Amino acid sequence: MKENNSRSKTELIHRYLLFSCSLLIIAFGISIITRSDLGTSPISSIPYVASLNTPYSMGTYFFLFTVFLIIIQVLLLGRNGVRTRKIDLLMQFPVAFLLSVFTDLTMWLLNNYIPESYYLKLISLIIGCMVLALGICLEVIADVTMISAEYTIQFATIKFKKEFGLIKVFFDVSLVVLAVILSLSMSGSIEGVRKGTIISALLTGPFVRILMPRLSFIHLWLKSNKEIGFSESEKATAPLVITISREYGSGGHQIGELIAQKLGIAFYDKELISLAAKESGFTEEFIKNNEQKLSHSLLYQMILQDYEVPLEKSLSYEDALFVTQSKIIRHIASKESCVIVGRCANYILKDHPNTINVFLHADIRHKIDRAIAEYGLSDGNAQNIIENTNQLRKEHYHHYTGQLWGDLNNYNFAFDTGIISISKVVNIMHQIITQVLKTN
């Protein structure tokens, strides 16, 4: 695929237009949440409370609040950090101005919108969270800059070397507490901060997660100026890569290793753990325990996950590990023919011109028997381990690809290893791949 690593002028124009639209939608979402009369979002809580008790608008206080956040960022970064991130700091001023103008505009447009019943207010709040999430998605896809709150959380995470999610929670809670204190000091009562503030904090992240995979068509628009597709020479010279996705207990590692041996090419499974450890700074033990997994915690999924930046810039451990392994997989695939087991490789290499994607599955009895014989699991806990592992793989795959793990549309071949033996699967794949190589 022919693709210039630098962004063209046309693509940059598209991205900045998209980012400007995202700010308008973010402001609209915040305004809908605010007009629901159940409390505003955490990020707008201080500006909203200040606007309720003074003649100045919410947008005006939004801009002043952004300046305050930039001062905090400067303190977090220090002199050397400010030099390095000078453009990021300066870009926040025009972004803050636009967001302030859009906030006042959308609040004015919704001035007469007053939902009467509690249920209408709740519906309005949820709609506002969805609109806000859409704006965040477009901001992330545009990938040109971020709003000040996101930079503040990012810089604090780097400064204090704490998990992103903890810093985010601390930041949001601090804003709400300060808004409550400000409201009490200015009016003697709590205004603008209610249960809707908590609901918006909980719902926005999951809505971003739901919407983001459904906006993939926007990436095509952003890159519309680039040539799409592979030339015949690229297909002919690209290394052959076989990716194997597998249910736990279906024999994926063994099949992948035997195919690699028959073809005389490299094999990568646990080897990727060592490579990721060298690349990322994580220990091999940490990677082994955390790769292809997401936290089951509902709280984590709702507010601790880093949804509001492009994946490559995320400071979440899970995201950082996925990005590191993705880079390694792409690098390997560009250099040599190989077999890669798991780790969303079929999705990561979707733009690689010469891949064969395989999915392996089996009925639970065969998976239990294989797990006992091959992995040393006891009959009593094998089924639970198999089901839990497969559920984790399913959630991890869907989270990072937006696709269904095991959906046959995502693979070239699928084998039931409970019916077809491992040796037969290896022989069939060897024949197919040999024929493909001869054809090419």
Protein backbone atom coordinates (compact mmCIF):
# COMPACT_ATOMS: atom_id res chain seq x y z
CA MET A 1 0.00 0.00 0.00
CA LYS A 2 1.38 3.37 -0.98
CA GLU A 3 1.11 5.74 1.93
CA ASN A 4 3.13 8.81 2.79
CA ASN A 5 4.10 8.79 6.46
CA SER A 6 3.55 12.55 6.70
CA ARG A 7 0.07 13.99 6.48
CA SER A 8 -0.73 15.84 3.26
CA LYS A 9 -2.14 19.36 3.24
CA THR A 10 -5.56 18.04 2.22
CA GLU A 11 -5.61 15.51 5.04
CA LEU A 12 -4.61 18.17 7.58
CA ILE A 13 -7.44 20.42 6.39
CA HIS A 14 -9.85 17.50 6.77
CA ARG A 15 -8.55 16.78 10.26
CA TYR A 16 -8.81 20.37 11.48
CA LEU A 17 -12.32 20.68 10.04
CA LEU A 18 -13.28 17.47 11.82
CA PHE A 19 -11.71 18.70 15.05
CA SER A 20 -13.63 22.00 14.84
CA CYS A 21 -16.85 20.03 14.33
CA SER A 22 -15.96 17.87 17.32
CA LEU A 23 -15.67 20.96 19.55
CA LEU A 24 -19.12 22.14 18.45
CA ILE A 25 -20.61 18.70 19.19
CA ILE A 26 -18.80 18.49 22.56
CA ALA A 27 -20.20 21.91 23.49
CA PHE A 28 -23.66 20.82 22.33
CA GLY A 29 -23.45 17.67 24.44
CA ILE A 30 -22.38 19.64 27.52
CA SER A 31 -25.22 22.11 26.97
CA ILE A 32 -27.84 19.34 26.64
CA ILE A 33 -26.53 17.74 29.86
CA THR A 34 -26.63 21.13 31.61
CA ARG A 35 -30.15 21.97 30.39
CA SER A 36 -31.41 18.61 31.62
CA ASP A 37 -31.38 20.25 35.06
CA LEU A 38 -29.87 17.20 36.74
CA GLY A 39 -26.39 18.66 37.04
CA THR A 40 -23.72 19.43 34.47
CA SER A 41 -20.69 17.32 33.47
CA PRO A 42 -17.58 17.32 35.73
CA ILE A 43 -15.47 19.32 33.24
CA SER A 44 -18.09 22.09 33.00
CA SER A 45 -19.09 22.10 36.69
CA ILE A 46 -16.86 25.01 37.81
CA PRO A 47 -17.63 27.27 34.79
CA TYR A 48 -21.36 26.53 35.13
CA VAL A 49 -21.51 27.27 38.86
CA ALA A 50 -19.58 30.51 38.34
CA SER A 51 -21.95 31.56 35.52
CA LEU A 52 -25.02 30.94 37.71
CA ASN A 53 -23.81 33.41 40.31
CA THR A 54 -22.28 36.19 38.17
CA PRO A 55 -23.28 38.17 35.06
CA TYR A 56 -20.68 36.37 32.90
CA SER A 57 -21.43 33.44 30.62
CA MET A 58 -20.49 29.81 31.01
CA GLY A 59 -18.32 30.08 27.87
CA THR A 60 -16.37 32.99 29.37
CA TYR A 61 -15.61 30.99 32.47
CA PHE A 62 -14.73 27.99 30.31
CA PHE A 63 -11.97 30.04 28.69
CA LEU A 64 -10.70 31.35 32.04
CA PHE A 65 -10.82 27.83 33.46
CA THR A 66 -8.72 26.59 30.52
CA VAL A 67 -6.10 29.27 31.22
CA PHE A 68 -6.00 28.04 34.82
CA LEU A 69 -5.50 24.44 33.61
CA ILE A 70 -2.68 25.52 31.30
CA ILE A 71 -0.91 27.15 34.26
CA ILE A 72 -1.21 23.85 36.14
CA GLN A 73 0.20 22.03 33.11
CA VAL A 74 3.22 24.35 33.03
CA LEU A 75 3.89 23.55 36.69
CA LEU A 76 3.54 19.82 36.01
CA LEU A 77 5.86 19.88 33.01
CA GLY A 78 8.65 22.03 34.39
CA ARG A 79 11.02 24.08 32.25
CA ASN A 80 12.24 21.23 30.05
CA GLY A 81 8.77 19.80 29.60
CA VAL A 82 7.38 23.18 28.56
CA ARG A 83 10.04 23.42 25.84
CA THR A 84 9.15 19.95 24.58
CA ARG A 85 5.38 20.44 24.68
CA LYS A 86 5.27 24.14 23.73
CA ILE A 87 3.06 23.56 20.68
CA ASP A 88 0.62 21.46 22.71
CA LEU A 89 0.36 24.27 25.28
CA LEU A 90 -0.11 27.04 22.71
CA MET A 91 -2.70 25.10 20.70
CA GLN A 92 -4.95 24.98 23.73
CA PHE A 93 -5.69 28.73 23.56
CA PRO A 94 -7.48 28.73 20.17
CA VAL A 95 -9.16 25.44 21.13
CA ALA A 96 -10.38 27.01 24.39
CA PHE A 97 -11.67 30.06 22.53
CA LEU A 98 -13.65 27.95 20.05
CA LEU A 99 -15.04 25.69 22.78
CA SER A 100 -16.06 28.76 24.81
CA VAL A 101 -17.84 30.34 21.83
CA PHE A 102 -19.56 27.07 20.96
CA THR A 103 -20.62 26.58 24.59
CA ASP A 104 -22.30 29.99 24.73
CA LEU A 105 -23.86 29.43 21.30
CA THR A 106 -25.36 26.04 22.19
CA MET A 107 -26.51 27.22 25.63
CA TRP A 108 -28.28 30.10 23.88
CA LEU A 109 -29.86 27.78 21.30
CA LEU A 110 -31.18 25.59 24.13
CA ASN A 111 -32.26 28.51 26.28
CA ASN A 112 -35.95 27.65 25.96
CA TYR A 113 -35.41 23.91 26.29
CA ILE A 114 -36.81 23.03 29.72
CA PRO A 115 -37.76 19.35 30.21
CA GLU A 116 -40.56 19.22 32.76
CA SER A 117 -40.79 15.70 34.15
CA TYR A 118 -37.96 13.81 35.85
CA TYR A 119 -38.03 11.11 33.16
CA LEU A 120 -37.68 13.69 30.37
CA LYS A 121 -34.76 15.21 32.26
CA LEU A 122 -33.14 11.79 32.58
CA ILE A 123 -33.66 11.04 28.86
CA SER A 124 -32.23 14.46 28.02
CA LEU A 125 -29.21 13.74 30.19
CA ILE A 126 -28.54 10.43 28.47
CA ILE A 127 -28.91 12.02 25.02
CA GLY A 128 -26.47 14.71 26.11
CA CYS A 129 -23.95 12.06 27.16
CA MET A 130 -24.31 10.38 23.76
CA VAL A 131 -23.76 13.67 21.92
CA LEU A 132 -20.75 14.44 24.13
CA ALA A 133 -19.36 10.97 23.40
CA LEU A 134 -19.80 11.54 19.65
CA GLY A 135 -17.84 14.77 19.92
CA ILE A 136 -15.06 13.02 21.82
CA CYS A 137 -14.94 10.27 19.16
CA LEU A 138 -14.52 12.86 16.40
CA GLU A 139 -11.85 14.66 18.42
CA VAL A 140 -9.92 11.40 18.83
CA ILE A 141 -10.25 10.51 15.13
CA ALA A 142 -9.10 13.99 14.07
CA ASP A 143 -5.93 13.47 16.14
CA VAL A 144 -4.53 17.00 15.87
CA THR A 145 -4.75 18.23 19.46
CA MET A 146 -6.84 17.80 22.62
CA ILE A 147 -8.83 19.96 25.00
CA SER A 148 -7.08 21.24 28.13
CA ALA A 149 -8.65 18.83 30.61
CA GLU A 150 -7.26 15.84 28.69
CA TYR A 151 -3.78 17.37 28.50
CA THR A 152 -3.87 18.10 32.24
CA ILE A 153 -4.70 14.48 33.07
CA GLN A 154 -2.04 13.24 30.66
CA PHE A 155 0.72 15.48 32.05
CA ALA A 156 -0.25 14.63 35.65
CA THR A 157 -0.11 10.91 34.83
CA ILE A 158 3.41 11.31 33.43
CA LYS A 159 4.54 13.53 36.32
CA PHE A 160 3.29 11.35 39.17
CA LYS A 161 3.79 8.01 37.36
CA LYS A 162 0.38 6.75 38.44
CA GLU A 163 -2.23 4.76 36.48
CA PHE A 164 -4.14 7.02 34.09
CA GLY A 165 -7.52 5.97 35.48
CA LEU A 166 -6.64 6.97 39.04
CA ILE A 167 -5.48 10.42 37.91
CA LYS A 168 -8.66 10.85 35.85
CA VAL A 169 -10.90 9.98 38.79
CA PHE A 170 -8.93 12.31 41.08
CA PHE A 171 -9.20 15.10 38.50
CA ASP A 172 -12.97 14.70 37.98
CA VAL A 173 -13.68 14.40 41.72
CA SER A 174 -11.55 17.47 42.40
CA LEU A 175 -13.51 19.51 39.85
CA VAL A 176 -16.84 18.47 41.37
CA VAL A 177 -15.66 19.17 44.95
CA LEU A 178 -14.33 22.59 43.95
CA ALA A 179 -17.62 23.33 42.14
CA VAL A 180 -19.58 22.42 45.30
CA ILE A 181 -17.34 24.63 47.46
CA LEU A 182 -17.64 27.48 44.94
CA SER A 183 -21.43 27.14 44.85
CA LEU A 184 -21.73 27.12 48.64
CA SER A 185 -19.49 30.16 48.97
CA MET A 186 -21.28 32.16 46.26
CA SER A 187 -24.93 31.24 46.82
CA GLY A 188 -25.09 29.38 50.10
CA SER A 189 -26.47 26.27 48.39
CA ILE A 190 -25.33 23.58 45.95
CA GLU A 191 -26.25 24.49 42.37
CA GLY A 192 -25.26 22.87 39.08
CA VAL A 193 -23.81 19.71 40.66
CA ARG A 194 -26.29 16.88 41.11
CA LYS A 195 -26.72 13.20 40.33
CA GLY A 196 -26.54 13.98 36.60
CA THR A 197 -22.88 14.98 37.11
CA ILE A 198 -22.08 11.47 38.29
CA ILE A 199 -24.21 9.85 35.58
CA SER A 200 -22.46 11.80 32.82
CA ALA A 201 -19.06 10.82 34.23
CA LEU A 202 -20.10 7.15 34.20
CA LEU A 203 -21.85 7.00 30.82
CA THR A 204 -19.68 9.08 28.50
CA GLY A 205 -16.73 6.65 28.36
CA PRO A 206 -18.82 3.57 27.51
CA PHE A 207 -20.73 5.57 24.85
CA VAL A 208 -17.37 6.50 23.28
CA ARG A 209 -16.45 2.82 23.26
CA ILE A 210 -19.75 1.89 21.57
CA LEU A 211 -19.64 4.67 18.96
CA MET A 212 -15.97 4.62 17.96
CA PRO A 213 -15.97 1.38 15.89
CA ARG A 214 -19.04 2.62 14.01
CA LEU A 215 -17.21 5.71 12.77
CA SER A 216 -14.46 3.90 10.87
CA PHE A 217 -15.75 5.36 7.58
CA ILE A 218 -14.46 8.77 8.72
CA HIS A 219 -10.88 7.46 8.58
CA LEU A 220 -11.42 6.76 4.87
CA TRP A 221 -12.62 10.33 4.32
CA LEU A 222 -9.56 11.70 6.12
CA LYS A 223 -7.27 9.68 3.87
CA SER A 224 -9.29 10.04 0.70
CA ASN A 225 -6.38 11.68 -1.05
CA LYS A 226 -4.23 8.60 -0.68
CA GLU A 227 -4.09 5.64 -2.97
CA ILE A 228 -5.92 2.66 -1.53
CA GLY A 229 -5.03 -0.88 -2.44
CA PHE A 230 -1.97 -2.97 -3.21
CA SER A 231 -0.03 -3.23 -6.42
CA GLU A 232 0.76 -6.66 -7.83
CA SER A 233 4.45 -6.17 -7.04
CA GLU A 234 3.63 -5.36 -3.40
CA LYS A 235 1.54 -8.51 -3.11
CA ALA A 236 4.27 -10.61 -4.70
CA THR A 237 7.14 -9.31 -2.56
CA ALA A 238 5.38 -8.94 0.81
CA PRO A 239 6.23 -11.64 3.38
CA LEU A 240 3.57 -14.30 3.92
CA VAL A 241 1.97 -14.08 7.36
CA ILE A 242 -0.38 -16.70 8.81
CA THR A 243 -2.35 -15.45 11.81
CA ILE A 244 -4.00 -17.95 14.13
CA SER A 245 -6.85 -16.93 16.40
CA ARG A 246 -7.95 -19.70 18.71
CA GLU A 247 -10.18 -20.74 21.53
CA TYR A 248 -8.27 -21.83 24.60
CA GLY A 249 -7.81 -25.60 24.38
CA SER A 250 -8.25 -25.84 20.60
CA GLY A 251 -4.55 -26.45 19.93
CA GLY A 252 -3.65 -23.10 18.39
CA HIS A 253 -0.07 -22.96 19.65
CA GLN A 254 0.70 -26.50 18.53
CA ILE A 255 -0.88 -26.05 15.10
CA GLY A 256 0.89 -22.74 14.53
CA GLU A 257 4.25 -24.17 15.49
CA LEU A 258 3.85 -27.23 13.23
CA ILE A 259 2.76 -25.09 10.25
CA ALA A 260 5.79 -22.84 10.75
CA GLN A 261 8.09 -25.87 10.89
CA LYS A 262 6.62 -27.36 7.70
CA LEU A 263 6.99 -24.07 5.84
CA GLY A 264 10.38 -23.28 7.30
CA ILE A 265 9.30 -19.84 8.57
CA ALA A 266 9.39 -18.05 11.93
CA PHE A 267 6.87 -18.72 14.68
CA TYR A 268 5.67 -16.15 17.22
CA ASP A 269 3.53 -16.77 20.26
CA LYS A 270 5.12 -16.39 23.67
CA GLU A 271 8.14 -14.90 21.88
CA LEU A 272 6.06 -11.74 21.51
CA ILE A 273 6.05 -11.36 25.30
CA SER A 274 9.85 -11.01 25.42
CA LEU A 275 9.86 -8.61 22.48
CA ALA A 276 7.13 -6.48 24.06
CA ALA A 277 9.02 -6.40 27.37
CA LYS A 278 12.13 -5.02 25.66
CA GLU A 279 10.10 -2.46 23.71
CA SER A 280 7.79 -1.23 26.46
CA GLY A 281 9.70 -1.48 29.71
CA PHE A 282 7.00 -3.72 31.21
CA THR A 283 8.26 -6.93 32.78
CA GLU A 284 7.62 -10.24 31.03
CA GLU A 285 5.58 -11.34 34.05
CA PHE A 286 3.36 -8.25 33.81
CA ILE A 287 2.79 -8.76 30.08
CA LYS A 288 2.06 -12.46 30.54
CA ASN A 289 -0.56 -11.67 33.18
CA ASN A 290 -2.17 -8.72 31.39
CA GLU A 291 -1.99 -9.23 27.62
CA GLN A 292 -5.23 -10.04 25.80
CA LYS A 293 -7.17 -9.08 28.92
CA LEU A 294 -9.35 -6.22 30.07
CA SER A 295 -10.46 -5.48 33.59
CA HIS A 296 -13.81 -7.08 34.43
CA SER A 297 -14.52 -4.16 36.76
CA LEU A 298 -17.59 -2.23 35.61
CA LEU A 299 -16.16 0.86 37.30
CA TYR A 300 -12.93 0.49 35.32
CA GLN A 301 -14.78 0.12 32.04
CA MET A 302 -16.92 3.17 32.82
CA ILE A 303 -14.48 5.79 34.09
CA LEU A 304 -10.92 4.47 34.37
CA GLN A 305 -10.32 3.51 30.74
CA ASP A 306 -8.56 6.12 28.56
CA TYR A 307 -11.20 6.72 25.87
CA GLU A 308 -10.51 10.36 25.10
CA VAL A 309 -7.20 10.22 23.20
CA PRO A 310 -6.02 8.28 20.15
CA LEU A 311 -4.96 4.76 21.12
CA GLU A 312 -1.29 5.48 20.35
CA LYS A 313 -1.28 8.35 22.89
CA SER A 314 -3.20 6.54 25.62
CA LEU A 315 -1.53 6.19 29.01
CA SER A 316 -3.63 3.22 30.08
CA TYR A 317 -1.48 0.11 30.71
CA GLU A 318 -3.79 -2.04 28.57
CA ASP A 319 -3.69 0.40 25.67
CA ALA A 320 0.07 0.89 25.90
CA LEU A 321 0.61 -2.87 25.83
CA PHE A 322 -1.71 -3.33 22.84
CA VAL A 323 0.00 -0.51 20.92
CA THR A 324 3.45 -1.96 21.68
CA GLN A 325 2.51 -5.45 20.53
CA SER A 326 0.80 -4.01 17.43
CA LYS A 327 4.01 -2.20 16.44
CA ILE A 328 6.04 -5.35 16.97
CA ILE A 329 3.61 -7.47 14.92
CA ARG A 330 3.62 -4.97 12.04
CA HIS A 331 7.42 -4.79 12.12
CA ILE A 332 7.77 -8.58 12.06
CA ALA A 333 5.24 -8.90 9.22
CA SER A 334 7.15 -6.33 7.15
CA LYS A 335 10.46 -8.21 7.52
CA GLU A 336 9.81 -11.96 7.34
CA SER A 337 7.28 -14.67 6.59
CA CYS A 338 5.93 -16.09 9.83
CA VAL A 339 3.08 -17.57 11.85
CA ILE A 340 1.64 -15.33 14.60
CA VAL A 341 -0.69 -16.71 17.27
CA GLY A 342 -3.38 -14.53 18.85
CA ARG A 343 -3.04 -10.88 19.93
CA CYS A 344 -5.56 -9.56 17.36
CA ALA A 345 -2.93 -10.14 14.66
CA ASN A 346 -5.53 -10.67 11.93
CA TYR A 347 -6.95 -7.20 12.65
CA ILE A 348 -3.59 -5.50 13.18
CA LEU A 349 -2.39 -6.84 9.82
CA LYS A 350 -5.63 -6.14 7.93
CA ASP A 351 -3.67 -3.81 5.63
CA HIS A 352 -0.83 -6.27 5.08
CA PRO A 353 -0.98 -7.46 1.44
CA ASN A 354 -0.21 -11.14 2.05
CA THR A 355 -1.96 -12.68 5.05
CA ILE A 356 -3.91 -15.86 5.70
CA ASN A 357 -6.13 -15.71 8.78
CA VAL A 358 -7.20 -18.88 10.57
CA PHE A 359 -9.63 -19.42 13.44
CA LEU A 360 -9.56 -22.62 15.55
CA HIS A 361 -12.38 -23.82 17.78
CA ALA A 362 -13.68 -27.02 19.32
CA ASP A 363 -16.49 -28.31 21.52
CA ILE A 364 -16.01 -27.96 25.26
CA ARG A 365 -15.28 -31.66 25.87
CA HIS A 366 -12.37 -31.72 23.42
CA LYS A 367 -11.04 -28.45 24.83
CA ILE A 368 -11.17 -29.84 28.37
CA ASP A 369 -9.42 -33.07 27.32
CA ARG A 370 -6.68 -31.14 25.53
CA ALA A 371 -6.24 -28.70 28.42
CA ILE A 372 -5.82 -31.59 30.85
CA ALA A 373 -3.41 -33.50 28.59
CA GLU A 374 -1.39 -30.58 27.19
CA TYR A 375 -1.57 -27.84 29.83
CA GLY A 376 -1.76 -29.95 33.00
CA LEU A 377 -5.10 -28.58 34.20
CA SER A 378 -7.22 -30.67 36.53
CA ASP A 379 -10.59 -31.98 35.40
CA GLY A 380 -12.27 -29.99 38.17
CA ASN A 381 -11.18 -26.50 37.09
CA ALA A 382 -10.40 -26.95 33.38
CA GLN A 383 -13.83 -25.88 32.13
CA ASN A 384 -13.87 -22.68 34.23
CA ILE A 385 -10.38 -21.71 33.09
CA ILE A 386 -11.28 -22.36 29.43
CA GLU A 387 -14.51 -20.37 29.59
CA ASN A 388 -12.94 -17.46 31.49
CA THR A 389 -9.92 -17.29 29.18
CA ASN A 390 -12.09 -17.33 26.07
CA GLN A 391 -14.36 -14.64 27.51
CA LEU A 392 -11.33 -12.43 28.19
CA ARG A 393 -10.06 -12.96 24.64
CA LYS A 394 -13.49 -12.13 23.25
CA GLU A 395 -13.77 -8.90 25.25
CA HIS A 396 -10.20 -7.86 24.45
CA TYR A 397 -10.68 -8.48 20.71
CA HIS A 398 -13.95 -6.55 20.57
CA HIS A 399 -12.57 -3.65 22.61
CA TYR A 400 -9.60 -3.06 20.30
CA THR A 401 -11.09 -4.04 16.95
CA GLY A 402 -14.80 -3.30 17.25
CA GLN A 403 -15.38 -6.74 15.71
CA LEU A 404 -16.67 -10.05 17.04
CA TRP A 405 -14.03 -12.60 17.98
CA GLY A 406 -14.73 -15.82 16.08
CA ASP A 407 -16.87 -14.11 13.40
CA LEU A 408 -15.99 -16.13 10.29
CA ASN A 409 -16.12 -12.98 8.14
CA ASN A 410 -12.83 -11.98 9.77
CA TYR A 411 -10.94 -15.14 8.77
CA ASN A 412 -10.03 -17.04 5.62
CA PHE A 413 -10.32 -20.48 7.21
CA ALA A 414 -11.88 -21.97 10.34
CA PHE A 415 -11.32 -25.47 11.72
CA ASP A 416 -13.13 -27.43 14.40
CA THR A 417 -10.23 -29.28 16.03
CA GLY A 418 -12.69 -31.45 17.92
CA ILE A 419 -13.59 -33.04 14.56
CA ILE A 420 -10.45 -32.50 12.47
CA SER A 421 -7.23 -33.64 14.15
CA ILE A 422 -4.33 -31.29 14.64
CA SER A 423 -2.18 -33.19 12.14
CA LYS A 424 -4.93 -32.97 9.49
CA VAL A 425 -5.37 -29.22 10.06
CA VAL A 426 -1.61 -28.77 9.65
CA ASN A 427 -1.53 -30.83 6.45
CA ILE A 428 -4.56 -29.03 4.97
CA MET A 429 -3.08 -25.61 5.73
CA HIS A 430 0.31 -26.66 4.37
CA GLN A 431 -1.29 -27.74 1.09
CA ILE A 432 -3.32 -24.55 0.82
CA ILE A 433 -0.38 -22.27 1.58
CA THR A 434 1.91 -24.15 -0.79
CA GLN A 435 -0.68 -23.74 -3.55
CA VAL A 436 -1.05 -20.03 -2.75
CA LEU A 437 2.73 -19.56 -2.92
CA LYS A 438 2.89 -21.36 -6.29
CA THR A 439 0.05 -19.20 -7.65
CA ASN A 440 1.81 -16.02 -6.58
